[in-house]
Amino acid sequence: MSLEEIKTLLESTGLPVAYRAFPVKQAPPLPFICFLCDYSSNFNADDTVYLPVEHINIELYTETKRPDLEAQLESVLDDLCWEKTEEYLDDERCYEIIYEIEV
């Protein structure tokens, strides 16, 4: 799955989506989604990359805890294996829900 395909999948939630971050002073109001390729975890064989595997973080930002939006995002990730973490960003005064996938 390409980054463009991931972006299209995330846009199907109806939320604004950006790779890594929105341009300075152009971020939409919360909620929104950012995603990025954090690192690769390739499968190697015969001294070469046999299967490239990208580790993607999908970050949902909300002002308040929004289980409805989490469920909406999880429904579009239905065909992927994901892990989820959550934290509150004091400086930004928002929740960051991170979904980790590999493609």
PDB file of N, CA and C in Angstrom:
ATOM      1  N   MET A   1       0.855  -1.175   0.000  1.00  0.00           N
ATOM      2  CA  MET A   1       0.000   0.000   0.000  1.00  0.00           C
ATOM      3  C   MET A   1       0.899   1.237   0.000  1.00  0.00           C
ATOM      4  N   SER A   2       0.660   2.133  -0.917  1.00  0.00           N
ATOM      5  CA  SER A   2       1.463   3.345  -1.043  1.00  0.00           C
ATOM      6  C   SER A   2       0.984   4.414  -0.065  1.00  0.00           C
ATOM      7  N   LEU A   3       1.810   5.442   0.129  1.00  0.00           N
ATOM      8  CA  LEU A   3       1.410   6.557   0.995  1.00  0.00           C
ATOM      9  C   LEU A   3       0.189   7.262   0.441  1.00  0.00           C
ATOM     10  N   GLU A   4       0.084   7.368  -0.875  1.00  0.00           N
ATOM     11  CA  GLU A   4      -1.085   8.007  -1.492  1.00  0.00           C
ATOM     12  C   GLU A   4      -2.345   7.186  -1.218  1.00  0.00           C
ATOM     13  N   GLU A   5      -2.240   5.866  -1.279  1.00  0.00           N
ATOM     14  CA  GLU A   5      -3.391   5.010  -0.979  1.00  0.00           C
ATOM     15  C   GLU A   5      -3.802   5.125   0.489  1.00  0.00           C
ATOM     16  N   ILE A   6      -2.817   5.236   1.371  1.00  0.00           N
ATOM     17  CA  ILE A   6      -3.118   5.435   2.787  1.00  0.00           C
ATOM     18  C   ILE A   6      -3.823   6.761   2.992  1.00  0.00           C
ATOM     19  N   LYS A   7      -3.336   7.810   2.329  1.00  0.00           N
ATOM     20  CA  LYS A   7      -3.969   9.132   2.448  1.00  0.00           C
ATOM     21  C   LYS A   7      -5.416   9.069   1.969  1.00  0.00           C
ATOM     22  N   THR A   8      -5.663   8.426   0.842  1.00  0.00           N
ATOM     23  CA  THR A   8      -7.023   8.296   0.318  1.00  0.00           C
ATOM     24  C   THR A   8      -7.910   7.532   1.296  1.00  0.00           C
ATOM     25  N   LEU A   9      -7.376   6.466   1.872  1.00  0.00           N
ATOM     26  CA  LEU A   9      -8.118   5.688   2.863  1.00  0.00           C
ATOM     27  C   LEU A   9      -8.488   6.558   4.057  1.00  0.00           C
ATOM     28  N   LEU A  10      -7.529   7.331   4.566  1.00  0.00           N
ATOM     29  CA  LEU A  10      -7.784   8.189   5.722  1.00  0.00           C
ATOM     30  C   LEU A  10      -8.753   9.317   5.396  1.00  0.00           C
ATOM     31  N   GLU A  11      -8.685   9.851   4.190  1.00  0.00           N
ATOM     32  CA  GLU A  11      -9.600  10.915   3.783  1.00  0.00           C
ATOM     33  C   GLU A  11     -11.046  10.429   3.736  1.00  0.00           C
ATOM     34  N   SER A  12     -11.245   9.119   3.597  1.00  0.00           N
ATOM     35  CA  SER A  12     -12.613   8.588   3.565  1.00  0.00           C
ATOM     36  C   SER A  12     -13.320   8.753   4.908  1.00  0.00           C
ATOM     37  N   THR A  13     -12.583   9.126   5.965  1.00  0.00           N
ATOM     38  CA  THR A  13     -13.208   9.423   7.258  1.00  0.00           C
ATOM     39  C   THR A  13     -13.932  10.771   7.229  1.00  0.00           C
ATOM     40  N   GLY A  14     -13.604  11.609   6.258  1.00  0.00           N
ATOM     41  CA  GLY A  14     -14.184  12.948   6.198  1.00  0.00           C
ATOM     42  C   GLY A  14     -13.402  13.969   7.002  1.00  0.00           C
ATOM     43  N   LEU A  15     -12.341  13.531   7.679  1.00  0.00           N
ATOM     44  CA  LEU A  15     -11.508  14.444   8.465  1.00  0.00           C
ATOM     45  C   LEU A  15     -10.363  14.970   7.608  1.00  0.00           C
ATOM     46  N   PRO A  16      -9.857  16.175   7.914  1.00  0.00           N
ATOM     47  CA  PRO A  16      -8.682  16.678   7.209  1.00  0.00           C
ATOM     48  C   PRO A  16      -7.484  15.766   7.470  1.00  0.00           C
ATOM     49  N   VAL A  17      -6.664  15.558   6.431  1.00  0.00           N
ATOM     50  CA  VAL A  17      -5.525  14.640   6.510  1.00  0.00           C
ATOM     51  C   VAL A  17      -4.287  15.321   5.925  1.00  0.00           C
ATOM     52  N   ALA A  18      -3.142  15.140   6.605  1.00  0.00           N
ATOM     53  CA  ALA A  18      -1.874  15.662   6.090  1.00  0.00           C
ATOM     54  C   ALA A  18      -0.769  14.660   6.366  1.00  0.00           C
ATOM     55  N   TYR A  19       0.241  14.674   5.507  1.00  0.00           N
ATOM     56  CA  TYR A  19       1.432  13.876   5.775  1.00  0.00           C
ATOM     57  C   TYR A  19       2.300  14.645   6.765  1.00  0.00           C
ATOM     58  N   ARG A  20       2.642  14.018   7.858  1.00  0.00           N
ATOM     59  CA  ARG A  20       3.458  14.537   8.955  1.00  0.00           C
ATOM     60  C   ARG A  20       2.809  15.693   9.704  1.00  0.00           C
ATOM     61  N   ALA A  21       2.516  16.809   9.038  1.00  0.00           N
ATOM     62  CA  ALA A  21       1.930  17.970   9.716  1.00  0.00           C
ATOM     63  C   ALA A  21       1.334  18.902   8.667  1.00  0.00           C
ATOM     64  N   PHE A  22       0.414  19.718   9.097  1.00  0.00           N
ATOM     65  CA  PHE A  22      -0.121  20.754   8.218  1.00  0.00           C
ATOM     66  C   PHE A  22       0.881  21.908   8.194  1.00  0.00           C
ATOM     67  N   PRO A  23       0.907  22.690   7.118  1.00  0.00           N
ATOM     68  CA  PRO A  23       1.821  23.840   7.072  1.00  0.00           C
ATOM     69  C   PRO A  23       1.581  24.771   8.265  1.00  0.00           C
ATOM     70  N   VAL A  24       2.632  25.465   8.672  1.00  0.00           N
ATOM     71  CA  VAL A  24       2.552  26.375   9.815  1.00  0.00           C
ATOM     72  C   VAL A  24       1.410  27.369   9.609  1.00  0.00           C
ATOM     73  N   LYS A  25       0.612  27.514  10.645  1.00  0.00           N
ATOM     74  CA  LYS A  25      -0.539  28.427  10.692  1.00  0.00           C
ATOM     75  C   LYS A  25      -1.628  28.068   9.679  1.00  0.00           C
ATOM     76  N   GLN A  26      -1.609  26.829   9.144  1.00  0.00           N
ATOM     77  CA  GLN A  26      -2.646  26.399   8.207  1.00  0.00           C
ATOM     78  C   GLN A  26      -3.353  25.137   8.678  1.00  0.00           C
ATOM     79  N   ALA A  27      -3.114  24.759   9.921  1.00  0.00           N
ATOM     80  CA  ALA A  27      -3.778  23.571  10.446  1.00  0.00           C
ATOM     81  C   ALA A  27      -5.274  23.865  10.614  1.00  0.00           C
ATOM     82  N   PRO A  28      -6.107  22.911  10.226  1.00  0.00           N
ATOM     83  CA  PRO A  28      -7.549  23.099  10.413  1.00  0.00           C
ATOM     84  C   PRO A  28      -7.899  22.953  11.890  1.00  0.00           C
ATOM     85  N   PRO A  29      -9.111  23.321  12.269  1.00  0.00           N
ATOM     86  CA  PRO A  29      -9.518  23.085  13.652  1.00  0.00           C
ATOM     87  C   PRO A  29      -9.579  21.582  13.936  1.00  0.00           C
ATOM     88  N   LEU A  30      -9.401  21.231  15.199  1.00  0.00           N
ATOM     89  CA  LEU A  30      -9.520  19.824  15.593  1.00  0.00           C
ATOM     90  C   LEU A  30     -10.943  19.340  15.358  1.00  0.00           C
ATOM     91  N   PRO A  31     -11.139  18.083  15.012  1.00  0.00           N
ATOM     92  CA  PRO A  31     -10.188  16.989  14.892  1.00  0.00           C
ATOM     93  C   PRO A  31      -9.567  16.922  13.491  1.00  0.00           C
ATOM     94  N   PHE A  32      -8.386  16.308  13.420  1.00  0.00           N
ATOM     95  CA  PHE A  32      -7.753  16.033  12.138  1.00  0.00           C
ATOM     96  C   PHE A  32      -6.797  14.855  12.294  1.00  0.00           C
ATOM     97  N   ILE A  33      -6.282  14.398  11.144  1.00  0.00           N
ATOM     98  CA  ILE A  33      -5.392  13.234  11.106  1.00  0.00           C
ATOM     99  C   ILE A  33      -4.085  13.624  10.422  1.00  0.00           C
ATOM    100  N   CYS A  34      -2.968  13.174  11.001  1.00  0.00           N
ATOM    101  CA  CYS A  34      -1.670  13.242  10.353  1.00  0.00           C
ATOM    102  C   CYS A  34      -1.122  11.817  10.277  1.00  0.00           C
ATOM    103  N   PHE A  35      -0.327  11.556   9.263  1.00  0.00           N
ATOM    104  CA  PHE A  35       0.305  10.247   9.153  1.00  0.00           C
ATOM    105  C   PHE A  35       1.720  10.420   8.629  1.00  0.00           C
ATOM    106  N   LEU A  36       2.578   9.461   8.953  1.00  0.00           N
ATOM    107  CA  LEU A  36       3.963   9.537   8.507  1.00  0.00           C
ATOM    108  C   LEU A  36       4.598   8.164   8.519  1.00  0.00           C
ATOM    109  N   CYS A  37       5.593   8.034   7.694  1.00  0.00           N
ATOM    110  CA  CYS A  37       6.403   6.810   7.670  1.00  0.00           C
ATOM    111  C   CYS A  37       7.501   7.004   8.710  1.00  0.00           C
ATOM    112  N   ASP A  38       7.402   6.259   9.795  1.00  0.00           N
ATOM    113  CA  ASP A  38       8.306   6.424  10.926  1.00  0.00           C
ATOM    114  C   ASP A  38       9.653   5.745  10.687  1.00  0.00           C
ATOM    115  N   TYR A  39       9.618   4.519  10.174  1.00  0.00           N
ATOM    116  CA  TYR A  39      10.837   3.775   9.868  1.00  0.00           C
ATOM    117  C   TYR A  39      10.457   2.551   9.046  1.00  0.00           C
ATOM    118  N   SER A  40      11.471   1.853   8.530  1.00  0.00           N
ATOM    119  CA  SER A  40      11.200   0.609   7.820  1.00  0.00           C
ATOM    120  C   SER A  40      11.699  -0.566   8.650  1.00  0.00           C
ATOM    121  N   SER A  41      11.079  -1.700   8.435  1.00  0.00           N
ATOM    122  CA  SER A  41      11.452  -2.934   9.117  1.00  0.00           C
ATOM    123  C   SER A  41      11.446  -4.031   8.055  1.00  0.00           C
ATOM    124  N   ASN A  42      12.397  -3.940   7.140  1.00  0.00           N
ATOM    125  CA  ASN A  42      12.407  -4.796   5.961  1.00  0.00           C
ATOM    126  C   ASN A  42      12.728  -6.250   6.286  1.00  0.00           C
ATOM    127  N   PHE A  43      12.229  -7.134   5.437  1.00  0.00           N
ATOM    128  CA  PHE A  43      12.571  -8.547   5.506  1.00  0.00           C
ATOM    129  C   PHE A  43      13.695  -8.773   4.509  1.00  0.00           C
ATOM    130  N   ASN A  44      14.816  -9.258   5.010  1.00  0.00           N
ATOM    131  CA  ASN A  44      15.999  -9.450   4.175  1.00  0.00           C
ATOM    132  C   ASN A  44      16.223 -10.927   3.884  1.00  0.00           C
ATOM    133  N   ALA A  45      16.696 -11.198   2.688  1.00  0.00           N
ATOM    134  CA  ALA A  45      17.054 -12.566   2.299  1.00  0.00           C
ATOM    135  C   ALA A  45      18.135 -12.491   1.224  1.00  0.00           C
ATOM    136  N   ASP A  46      19.085 -13.394   1.277  1.00  0.00           N
ATOM    137  CA  ASP A  46      20.164 -13.463   0.283  1.00  0.00           C
ATOM    138  C   ASP A  46      20.869 -12.120   0.111  1.00  0.00           C
ATOM    139  N   ASP A  47      21.151 -11.474   1.230  1.00  0.00           N
ATOM    140  CA  ASP A  47      21.889 -10.209   1.247  1.00  0.00           C
ATOM    141  C   ASP A  47      21.203  -9.086   0.484  1.00  0.00           C
ATOM    142  N   THR A  48      19.887  -9.078   0.493  1.00  0.00           N
ATOM    143  CA  THR A  48      19.139  -8.006  -0.158  1.00  0.00           C
ATOM    144  C   THR A  48      17.801  -7.819   0.552  1.00  0.00           C
ATOM    145  N   VAL A  49      17.152  -6.717   0.275  1.00  0.00           N
ATOM    146  CA  VAL A  49      15.815  -6.490   0.814  1.00  0.00           C
ATOM    147  C   VAL A  49      14.848  -7.326  -0.011  1.00  0.00           C
ATOM    148  N   TYR A  50      14.328  -8.353   0.606  1.00  0.00           N
ATOM    149  CA  TYR A  50      13.389  -9.249  -0.070  1.00  0.00           C
ATOM    150  C   TYR A  50      11.985  -8.659  -0.069  1.00  0.00           C
ATOM    151  N   LEU A  51      11.595  -8.075   1.058  1.00  0.00           N
ATOM    152  CA  LEU A  51      10.267  -7.478   1.188  1.00  0.00           C
ATOM    153  C   LEU A  51      10.374  -6.191   1.991  1.00  0.00           C
ATOM    154  N   PRO A  52      10.188  -5.018   1.333  1.00  0.00           N
ATOM    155  CA  PRO A  52      10.226  -3.767   2.091  1.00  0.00           C
ATOM    156  C   PRO A  52       8.957  -3.624   2.939  1.00  0.00           C
ATOM    157  N   VAL A  53       9.143  -3.238   4.192  1.00  0.00           N
ATOM    158  CA  VAL A  53       8.016  -3.058   5.113  1.00  0.00           C
ATOM    159  C   VAL A  53       8.156  -1.683   5.761  1.00  0.00           C
ATOM    160  N   GLU A  54       7.178  -0.827   5.527  1.00  0.00           N
ATOM    161  CA  GLU A  54       7.175   0.521   6.090  1.00  0.00           C
ATOM    162  C   GLU A  54       6.319   0.551   7.348  1.00  0.00           C
ATOM    163  N   HIS A  55       6.831   1.184   8.398  1.00  0.00           N
ATOM    164  CA  HIS A  55       6.091   1.368   9.644  1.00  0.00           C
ATOM    165  C   HIS A  55       5.440   2.753   9.585  1.00  0.00           C
ATOM    166  N   ILE A  56       4.118   2.783   9.599  1.00  0.00           N
ATOM    167  CA  ILE A  56       3.367   4.025   9.441  1.00  0.00           C
ATOM    168  C   ILE A  56       2.658   4.365  10.755  1.00  0.00           C
ATOM    169  N   ASN A  57       2.790   5.612  11.192  1.00  0.00           N
ATOM    170  CA  ASN A  57       2.014   6.119  12.320  1.00  0.00           C
ATOM    171  C   ASN A  57       0.873   6.960  11.775  1.00  0.00           C
ATOM    172  N   ILE A  58      -0.330   6.667  12.249  1.00  0.00           N
ATOM    173  CA  ILE A  58      -1.515   7.447  11.919  1.00  0.00           C
ATOM    174  C   ILE A  58      -1.949   8.118  13.212  1.00  0.00           C
ATOM    175  N   GLU A  59      -1.997   9.441  13.217  1.00  0.00           N
ATOM    176  CA  GLU A  59      -2.241  10.199  14.439  1.00  0.00           C
ATOM    177  C   GLU A  59      -3.566  10.945  14.332  1.00  0.00           C
ATOM    178  N   LEU A  60      -4.475  10.624  15.229  1.00  0.00           N
ATOM    179  CA  LEU A  60      -5.767  11.303  15.319  1.00  0.00           C
ATOM    180  C   LEU A  60      -5.679  12.315  16.451  1.00  0.00           C
ATOM    181  N   TYR A  61      -5.927  13.584  16.143  1.00  0.00           N
ATOM    182  CA  TYR A  61      -5.884  14.654  17.143  1.00  0.00           C
ATOM    183  C   TYR A  61      -7.297  15.151  17.409  1.00  0.00           C
ATOM    184  N   THR A  62      -7.667  15.179  18.698  1.00  0.00           N
ATOM    185  CA  THR A  62      -9.003  15.638  19.091  1.00  0.00           C
ATOM    186  C   THR A  62      -8.898  16.520  20.334  1.00  0.00           C
ATOM    187  N   GLU A  63      -9.844  17.428  20.474  1.00  0.00           N
ATOM    188  CA  GLU A  63      -9.856  18.317  21.633  1.00  0.00           C
ATOM    189  C   GLU A  63     -10.314  17.581  22.887  1.00  0.00           C
ATOM    190  N   THR A  64     -11.289  16.690  22.728  1.00  0.00           N
ATOM    191  CA  THR A  64     -11.790  15.873  23.822  1.00  0.00           C
ATOM    192  C   THR A  64     -11.703  14.415  23.404  1.00  0.00           C
ATOM    193  N   LYS A  65     -11.841  13.535  24.357  1.00  0.00           N
ATOM    194  CA  LYS A  65     -11.846  12.102  24.040  1.00  0.00           C
ATOM    195  C   LYS A  65     -13.048  11.817  23.153  1.00  0.00           C
ATOM    196  N   ARG A  66     -12.796  11.227  21.961  1.00  0.00           N
ATOM    197  CA  ARG A  66     -13.857  11.006  20.975  1.00  0.00           C
ATOM    198  C   ARG A  66     -13.887   9.553  20.518  1.00  0.00           C
ATOM    199  N   PRO A  67     -14.483   8.658  21.314  1.00  0.00           N
ATOM    200  CA  PRO A  67     -14.578   7.256  20.904  1.00  0.00           C
ATOM    201  C   PRO A  67     -15.285   7.071  19.564  1.00  0.00           C
ATOM    202  N   ASP A  68     -16.223   7.962  19.227  1.00  0.00           N
ATOM    203  CA  ASP A  68     -16.917   7.865  17.941  1.00  0.00           C
ATOM    204  C   ASP A  68     -15.960   8.056  16.773  1.00  0.00           C
ATOM    205  N   LEU A  69     -15.035   9.017  16.877  1.00  0.00           N
ATOM    206  CA  LEU A  69     -14.057   9.242  15.808  1.00  0.00           C
ATOM    207  C   LEU A  69     -13.012   8.121  15.767  1.00  0.00           C
ATOM    208  N   GLU A  70     -12.660   7.611  16.930  1.00  0.00           N
ATOM    209  CA  GLU A  70     -11.732   6.474  16.958  1.00  0.00           C
ATOM    210  C   GLU A  70     -12.360   5.280  16.254  1.00  0.00           C
ATOM    211  N   ALA A  71     -13.639   5.022  16.527  1.00  0.00           N
ATOM    212  CA  ALA A  71     -14.337   3.906  15.876  1.00  0.00           C
ATOM    213  C   ALA A  71     -14.444   4.136  14.374  1.00  0.00           C
ATOM    214  N   GLN A  72     -14.681   5.386  13.972  1.00  0.00           N
ATOM    215  CA  GLN A  72     -14.768   5.713  12.543  1.00  0.00           C
ATOM    216  C   GLN A  72     -13.434   5.443  11.851  1.00  0.00           C
ATOM    217  N   LEU A  73     -12.333   5.866  12.473  1.00  0.00           N
ATOM    218  CA  LEU A  73     -11.011   5.636  11.901  1.00  0.00           C
ATOM    219  C   LEU A  73     -10.688   4.142  11.893  1.00  0.00           C
ATOM    220  N   GLU A  74     -11.005   3.468  12.974  1.00  0.00           N
ATOM    221  CA  GLU A  74     -10.734   2.028  13.045  1.00  0.00           C
ATOM    222  C   GLU A  74     -11.516   1.256  11.991  1.00  0.00           C
ATOM    223  N   SER A  75     -12.691   1.756  11.623  1.00  0.00           N
ATOM    224  CA  SER A  75     -13.475   1.059  10.594  1.00  0.00           C
ATOM    225  C   SER A  75     -12.800   1.137   9.229  1.00  0.00           C
ATOM    226  N   VAL A  76     -12.101   2.236   8.919  1.00  0.00           N
ATOM    227  CA  VAL A  76     -11.403   2.311   7.631  1.00  0.00           C
ATOM    228  C   VAL A  76     -10.086   1.545   7.666  1.00  0.00           C
ATOM    229  N   LEU A  77      -9.584   1.255   8.873  1.00  0.00           N
ATOM    230  CA  LEU A  77      -8.370   0.461   9.021  1.00  0.00           C
ATOM    231  C   LEU A  77      -8.693  -1.019   9.180  1.00  0.00           C
ATOM    232  N   ASP A  78      -9.937  -1.374   8.938  1.00  0.00           N
ATOM    233  CA  ASP A  78     -10.455  -2.721   9.201  1.00  0.00           C
ATOM    234  C   ASP A  78      -9.650  -3.833   8.536  1.00  0.00           C
ATOM    235  N   ASP A  79      -9.090  -3.592   7.353  1.00  0.00           N
ATOM    236  CA  ASP A  79      -8.343  -4.633   6.640  1.00  0.00           C
ATOM    237  C   ASP A  79      -6.858  -4.644   6.979  1.00  0.00           C
ATOM    238  N   LEU A  80      -6.465  -3.839   7.956  1.00  0.00           N
ATOM    239  CA  LEU A  80      -5.059  -3.747   8.356  1.00  0.00           C
ATOM    240  C   LEU A  80      -4.908  -4.155   9.815  1.00  0.00           C
ATOM    241  N   CYS A  81      -3.730  -4.658  10.158  1.00  0.00           N
ATOM    242  CA  CYS A  81      -3.418  -4.926  11.562  1.00  0.00           C
ATOM    243  C   CYS A  81      -2.847  -3.642  12.154  1.00  0.00           C
ATOM    244  N   TRP A  82      -3.336  -3.247  13.320  1.00  0.00           N
ATOM    245  CA  TRP A  82      -2.859  -2.017  13.928  1.00  0.00           C
ATOM    246  C   TRP A  82      -2.736  -2.174  15.434  1.00  0.00           C
ATOM    247  N   GLU A  83      -1.912  -1.320  16.009  1.00  0.00           N
ATOM    248  CA  GLU A  83      -1.759  -1.165  17.452  1.00  0.00           C
ATOM    249  C   GLU A  83      -2.099   0.283  17.770  1.00  0.00           C
ATOM    250  N   LYS A  84      -2.642   0.513  18.971  1.00  0.00           N
ATOM    251  CA  LYS A  84      -3.144   1.852  19.316  1.00  0.00           C
ATOM    252  C   LYS A  84      -2.563   2.302  20.651  1.00  0.00           C
ATOM    253  N   THR A  85      -2.119   3.558  20.692  1.00  0.00           N
ATOM    254  CA  THR A  85      -1.703   4.192  21.947  1.00  0.00           C
ATOM    255  C   THR A  85      -2.361   5.555  22.024  1.00  0.00           C
ATOM    256  N   GLU A  86      -2.382   6.101  23.222  1.00  0.00           N
ATOM    257  CA  GLU A  86      -3.047   7.389  23.437  1.00  0.00           C
ATOM    258  C   GLU A  86      -2.252   8.209  24.438  1.00  0.00           C
ATOM    259  N   GLU A  87      -2.236   9.514  24.207  1.00  0.00           N
ATOM    260  CA  GLU A  87      -1.674  10.414  25.207  1.00  0.00           C
ATOM    261  C   GLU A  87      -2.321  11.781  25.084  1.00  0.00           C
ATOM    262  N   TYR A  88      -2.226  12.534  26.147  1.00  0.00           N
ATOM    263  CA  TYR A  88      -2.724  13.901  26.144  1.00  0.00           C
ATOM    264  C   TYR A  88      -1.530  14.826  26.017  1.00  0.00           C
ATOM    265  N   LEU A  89      -1.585  15.739  25.058  1.00  0.00           N
ATOM    266  CA  LEU A  89      -0.489  16.687  24.824  1.00  0.00           C
ATOM    267  C   LEU A  89      -0.811  17.984  25.570  1.00  0.00           C
ATOM    268  N   ASP A  90      -0.168  18.181  26.707  1.00  0.00           N
ATOM    269  CA  ASP A  90      -0.470  19.343  27.543  1.00  0.00           C
ATOM    270  C   ASP A  90      -0.240  20.667  26.816  1.00  0.00           C
ATOM    271  N   ASP A  91       0.878  20.770  26.089  1.00  0.00           N
ATOM    272  CA  ASP A  91       1.195  22.022  25.393  1.00  0.00           C
ATOM    273  C   ASP A  91       0.168  22.359  24.320  1.00  0.00           C
ATOM    274  N   GLU A  92      -0.369  21.336  23.668  1.00  0.00           N
ATOM    275  CA  GLU A  92      -1.334  21.542  22.593  1.00  0.00           C
ATOM    276  C   GLU A  92      -2.780  21.483  23.079  1.00  0.00           C
ATOM    277  N   ARG A  93      -2.954  20.977  24.304  1.00  0.00           N
ATOM    278  CA  ARG A  93      -4.284  20.809  24.891  1.00  0.00           C
ATOM    279  C   ARG A  93      -5.186  19.952  24.009  1.00  0.00           C
ATOM    280  N   CYS A  94      -4.648  18.793  23.626  1.00  0.00           N
ATOM    281  CA  CYS A  94      -5.437  17.878  22.807  1.00  0.00           C
ATOM    282  C   CYS A  94      -4.982  16.445  23.038  1.00  0.00           C
ATOM    283  N   TYR A  95      -5.836  15.528  22.630  1.00  0.00           N
ATOM    284  CA  TYR A  95      -5.505  14.111  22.666  1.00  0.00           C
ATOM    285  C   TYR A  95      -4.845  13.713  21.356  1.00  0.00           C
ATOM    286  N   GLU A  96      -3.888  12.812  21.461  1.00  0.00           N
ATOM    287  CA  GLU A  96      -3.250  12.218  20.286  1.00  0.00           C
ATOM    288  C   GLU A  96      -3.436  10.709  20.390  1.00  0.00           C
ATOM    289  N   ILE A  97      -4.205  10.161  19.467  1.00  0.00           N
ATOM    290  CA  ILE A  97      -4.413   8.731  19.391  1.00  0.00           C
ATOM    291  C   ILE A  97      -3.559   8.247  18.232  1.00  0.00           C
ATOM    292  N   ILE A  98      -2.622   7.340  18.507  1.00  0.00           N
ATOM    293  CA  ILE A  98      -1.695   6.879  17.480  1.00  0.00           C
ATOM    294  C   ILE A  98      -2.006   5.432  17.122  1.00  0.00           C
ATOM    295  N   TYR A  99      -2.212   5.206  15.826  1.00  0.00           N
ATOM    296  CA  TYR A  99      -2.390   3.859  15.279  1.00  0.00           C
ATOM    297  C   TYR A  99      -1.120   3.523  14.520  1.00  0.00           C
ATOM    298  N   GLU A 100      -0.515   2.401  14.829  1.00  0.00           N
ATOM    299  CA  GLU A 100       0.701   1.957  14.159  1.00  0.00           C
ATOM    300  C   GLU A 100       0.358   0.783  13.245  1.00  0.00           C
ATOM    301  N   ILE A 101       0.748   0.921  11.975  1.00  0.00           N
ATOM    302  CA  ILE A 101       0.525  -0.142  11.004  1.00  0.00           C
ATOM    303  C   ILE A 101       1.825  -0.412  10.251  1.00  0.00           C
ATOM    304  N   GLU A 102       1.897  -1.558   9.608  1.00  0.00           N
ATOM    305  CA  GLU A 102       3.009  -1.877   8.724  1.00  0.00           C
ATOM    306  C   GLU A 102       2.449  -2.259   7.364  1.00  0.00           C
ATOM    307  N   VAL A 103       3.043  -1.673   6.338  1.00  0.00           N
ATOM    308  CA  VAL A 103       2.597  -1.965   4.962  1.00  0.00           C
ATOM    309  C   VAL A 103       3.815  -2.237   4.081  1.00  0.00           C
TER     310      VAL A 103
END
